[in-house]
C-alpha atoms as a PDB file:
ATOM      1  CA  UNK A   1      86.946  92.435 154.756  1.00  0.00           C
ATOM      2  CA  UNK A   2      89.740  91.688 152.318  1.00  0.00           C
ATOM      3  CA  UNK A   3      89.892  93.078 148.729  1.00  0.00           C
ATOM      4  CA  UNK A   4      89.416  89.540 147.397  1.00  0.00           C
ATOM      5  CA  UNK A   5      86.185  89.095 149.315  1.00  0.00           C
ATOM      6  CA  UNK A   6      84.921  92.506 148.359  1.00  0.00           C
ATOM      7  CA  UNK A   7      85.329  91.883 144.669  1.00  0.00           C
ATOM      8  CA  UNK A   8      84.961  88.164 144.453  1.00  0.00           C
ATOM      9  CA  UNK A   9      83.206  88.179 141.054  1.00  0.00           C
ATOM     10  CA  UNK A  10      86.226  90.006 139.602  1.00  0.00           C
ATOM     11  CA  UNK A  11      88.707  87.426 140.883  1.00  0.00           C
ATOM     12  CA  UNK A  12      86.402  84.603 139.784  1.00  0.00           C
ATOM     13  CA  UNK A  13      86.484  85.997 136.233  1.00  0.00           C
ATOM     14  CA  UNK A  14      90.163  86.328 136.271  1.00  0.00           C
ATOM     15  CA  UNK A  15      90.557  82.861 137.694  1.00  0.00           C
ATOM     16  CA  UNK A  16      88.404  81.511 134.846  1.00  0.00           C
ATOM     17  CA  UNK A  17      90.815  82.941 132.235  1.00  0.00           C
ATOM     18  CA  UNK A  18      93.783  81.555 134.128  1.00  0.00           C
ATOM     19  CA  UNK A  19      92.132  78.116 134.317  1.00  0.00           C
ATOM     20  CA  UNK A  20      91.629  78.228 130.535  1.00  0.00           C
ATOM     21  CA  UNK A  21      95.222  79.285 129.970  1.00  0.00           C
ATOM     22  CA  UNK A  22      96.419  76.477 132.218  1.00  0.00           C
ATOM     23  CA  UNK A  23      94.563  73.918 130.060  1.00  0.00           C
ATOM     24  CA  UNK A  24      96.358  75.280 126.928  1.00  0.00           C
ATOM     25  CA  UNK A  25      99.734  74.412 128.512  1.00  0.00           C
ATOM     26  CA  UNK A  26      99.020  70.847 127.488  1.00  0.00           C
ATOM     27  CA  UNK A  27      99.387  71.948 123.814  1.00  0.00           C
ATOM     28  CA  UNK A  28     101.664  74.952 123.854  1.00  0.00           C
ATOM     29  CA  UNK A  29     104.649  76.565 125.671  1.00  0.00           C
ATOM     30  CA  UNK A  30     103.865  78.975 128.438  1.00  0.00           C
ATOM     31  CA  UNK A  31     105.329  81.832 126.376  1.00  0.00           C
ATOM     32  CA  UNK A  32     102.899  81.093 123.558  1.00  0.00           C
ATOM     33  CA  UNK A  33      99.895  80.891 125.960  1.00  0.00           C
ATOM     34  CA  UNK A  34     100.988  84.082 127.513  1.00  0.00           C
ATOM     35  CA  UNK A  35     101.284  85.824 124.140  1.00  0.00           C
ATOM     36  CA  UNK A  36      97.747  84.533 123.199  1.00  0.00           C
ATOM     37  CA  UNK A  37      96.329  85.860 126.481  1.00  0.00           C
ATOM     38  CA  UNK A  38      98.001  89.258 125.910  1.00  0.00           C
ATOM     39  CA  UNK A  39      96.709  89.435 122.360  1.00  0.00           C
ATOM     40  CA  UNK A  40      93.182  88.464 123.472  1.00  0.00           C
ATOM     41  CA  UNK A  41      93.243  91.070 126.298  1.00  0.00           C
ATOM     42  CA  UNK A  42      94.393  93.776 123.847  1.00  0.00           C
ATOM     43  CA  UNK A  43      91.824  92.768 121.269  1.00  0.00           C
ATOM     44  CA  UNK A  44      89.008  92.868 123.831  1.00  0.00           C
ATOM     45  CA  UNK A  45      90.128  96.201 125.283  1.00  0.00           C
ATOM     46  CA  UNK A  46      90.283  97.676 121.745  1.00  0.00           C
ATOM     47  CA  UNK A  47      86.644  96.512 121.449  1.00  0.00           C
ATOM     48  CA  UNK A  48      85.716  98.155 124.772  1.00  0.00           C
ATOM     49  CA  UNK A  49      87.320 101.394 123.635  1.00  0.00           C
ATOM     50  CA  UNK A  50      85.529 101.274 120.273  1.00  0.00           C
ATOM     51  CA  UNK A  51      82.164 100.428 121.969  1.00  0.00           C
ATOM     52  CA  UNK A  52      82.483 103.391 124.290  1.00  0.00           C
ATOM     53  CA  UNK A  53      83.339 105.852 121.554  1.00  0.00           C
ATOM     54  CA  UNK A  54      80.497 107.736 120.078  1.00  0.00           C
ATOM     55  CA  UNK A  55      82.220 108.133 116.747  1.00  0.00           C
ATOM     56  CA  UNK A  56      85.444 107.270 114.919  1.00  0.00           C
ATOM     57  CA  UNK A  57      86.641 110.833 115.548  1.00  0.00           C
ATOM     58  CA  UNK A  58      86.044 110.454 119.285  1.00  0.00           C
ATOM     59  CA  UNK A  59      87.912 107.150 119.275  1.00  0.00           C
ATOM     60  CA  UNK A  60      90.831 108.775 117.400  1.00  0.00           C
ATOM     61  CA  UNK A  61      90.842 111.695 119.877  1.00  0.00           C
ATOM     62  CA  UNK A  62      90.783 109.362 122.958  1.00  0.00           C
ATOM     63  CA  UNK A  63      93.119 106.631 121.573  1.00  0.00           C
ATOM     64  CA  UNK A  64      96.354 107.803 123.263  1.00  0.00           C
ATOM     65  CA  UNK A  65      94.692 108.374 126.597  1.00  0.00           C
ATOM     66  CA  UNK A  66      93.096 104.931 126.516  1.00  0.00           C
ATOM     67  CA  UNK A  67      96.415 103.269 125.538  1.00  0.00           C
ATOM     68  CA  UNK A  68      98.108 105.058 128.405  1.00  0.00           C
ATOM     69  CA  UNK A  69      95.385 103.945 130.780  1.00  0.00           C
ATOM     70  CA  UNK A  70      95.643 100.253 129.827  1.00  0.00           C
ATOM     71  CA  UNK A  71      99.464 100.318 129.855  1.00  0.00           C
ATOM     72  CA  UNK A  72      99.411 101.807 133.391  1.00  0.00           C
ATOM     73  CA  UNK A  73      96.885  99.298 134.661  1.00  0.00           C
ATOM     74  CA  UNK A  74      98.773  96.407 133.168  1.00  0.00           C
ATOM     75  CA  UNK A  75     102.086  97.554 134.663  1.00  0.00           C
ATOM     76  CA  UNK A  76     100.526  97.978 138.112  1.00  0.00           C
ATOM     77  CA  UNK A  77      98.884  94.455 137.844  1.00  0.00           C
ATOM     78  CA  UNK A  78     101.997  92.834 136.648  1.00  0.00           C
ATOM     79  CA  UNK A  79     104.175  94.378 139.323  1.00  0.00           C
ATOM     80  CA  UNK A  80     101.754  93.365 142.037  1.00  0.00           C
ATOM     81  CA  UNK A  81     101.569  89.766 140.782  1.00  0.00           C
ATOM     82  CA  UNK A  82     105.390  89.520 140.457  1.00  0.00           C
ATOM     83  CA  UNK A  83     105.756  90.785 143.983  1.00  0.00           C
ATOM     84  CA  UNK A  84     103.202  88.211 145.218  1.00  0.00           C
ATOM     85  CA  UNK A  85     105.245  85.506 143.600  1.00  0.00           C
ATOM     86  CA  UNK A  86     108.510  86.865 145.038  1.00  0.00           C
ATOM     87  CA  UNK A  87     106.987  86.813 148.495  1.00  0.00           C
ATOM     88  CA  UNK A  88     106.221  83.121 148.100  1.00  0.00           C
ATOM     89  CA  UNK A  89     109.226  82.145 145.931  1.00  0.00           C
ATOM     90  CA  UNK A  90     111.152  80.170 148.602  1.00  0.00           C
ATOM     91  CA  UNK A  91     108.065  78.629 150.256  1.00  0.00           C
ATOM     92  CA  UNK A  92     107.572  74.883 149.738  1.00  0.00           C
ATOM     93  CA  UNK A  93     104.904  74.077 147.170  1.00  0.00           C
ATOM     94  CA  UNK A  94     105.001  77.529 145.437  1.00  0.00           C
END
């Protein structure tokens, strides 16, 4: 079973965000839509970090580890998606 089929709900959620971003391309440049998506992701992830912290002190203590985790995850995902586009770059219709 492929990873996509194993975690279909995850990919469905991601596709919903991408679909929304695609609709915003009618009103804004891709770079602006991308910046808004990055801001939204960072804002939501800051909320997740805050919600998981038991106190302000705990949040302060875990801040750098959380930032490092999200930066690492984003880099891995970005590299994987760029590689996917590179693999299809010269194919018709891509």
